[in-house]
Amino acid sequence: MYQNFGIKKEIIELAEEVENKIQDQFKQIDKIAEYNSLKVLRSFSRK
């Protein structure tokens, strides 16, 4: 699909490789975002 938009296969493969390498960082960011969302929800329920 990306190649239809002029994006080379090598670029797609590089992006996939990098995404795999930083997967742990994405998981950590998701955990932080979830925790912060829960804090906001808790603050609304206290009113």
Protein backbone atom coordinates (compact mmCIF):
# COMPACT_ATOMS: atom_id res chain seq x y z
CA MET A 1 0.00 0.00 0.00
CA TYR A 2 2.71 2.50 0.96
CA GLN A 3 4.55 1.86 -2.27
CA ASN A 4 1.51 3.20 -4.12
CA PHE A 5 2.29 6.53 -2.46
CA GLY A 6 5.94 6.51 -3.48
CA ILE A 7 7.37 5.22 -0.20
CA LYS A 8 10.21 2.82 -0.81
CA LYS A 9 10.15 -0.69 0.61
CA GLU A 10 13.44 -0.01 2.42
CA ILE A 11 11.88 2.89 4.32
CA ILE A 12 8.92 0.76 5.36
CA GLU A 13 11.24 -2.00 6.58
CA LEU A 14 13.38 0.51 8.49
CA ALA A 15 10.30 2.00 10.17
CA GLU A 16 9.11 -1.46 11.19
CA GLU A 17 12.56 -2.31 12.58
CA VAL A 18 12.69 0.88 14.63
CA GLU A 19 9.14 0.38 15.92
CA ASN A 20 10.12 -3.08 17.12
CA LYS A 21 13.21 -1.72 18.86
CA ILE A 22 11.28 0.94 20.78
CA GLN A 23 8.26 -1.20 21.61
CA ASP A 24 9.18 -1.22 25.31
CA GLN A 25 9.18 2.59 25.40
CA PHE A 26 5.71 2.64 23.82
CA LYS A 27 4.47 0.23 26.49
CA GLN A 28 5.86 2.45 29.24
CA ILE A 29 4.22 5.53 27.71
CA ASP A 30 0.92 3.67 27.53
CA LYS A 31 1.18 2.70 31.21
CA ILE A 32 1.86 6.31 32.20
CA ALA A 33 -1.06 7.56 30.09
CA GLU A 34 -3.38 4.98 31.64
CA TYR A 35 -2.26 5.92 35.16
CA ASN A 36 -2.81 9.61 34.47
CA SER A 37 -6.26 8.90 33.02
CA LEU A 38 -7.20 6.98 36.14
CA LYS A 39 -6.04 9.88 38.32
CA VAL A 40 -8.28 12.26 36.37
CA LEU A 41 -11.25 9.89 36.65
CA ARG A 42 -10.67 9.53 40.38
CA SER A 43 -10.61 13.30 40.82
CA PHE A 44 -14.03 13.57 39.12
CA SER A 45 -15.52 10.85 41.29
CA ARG A 46 -14.53 12.64 44.50
CA LYS A 47 -16.89 15.54 43.86
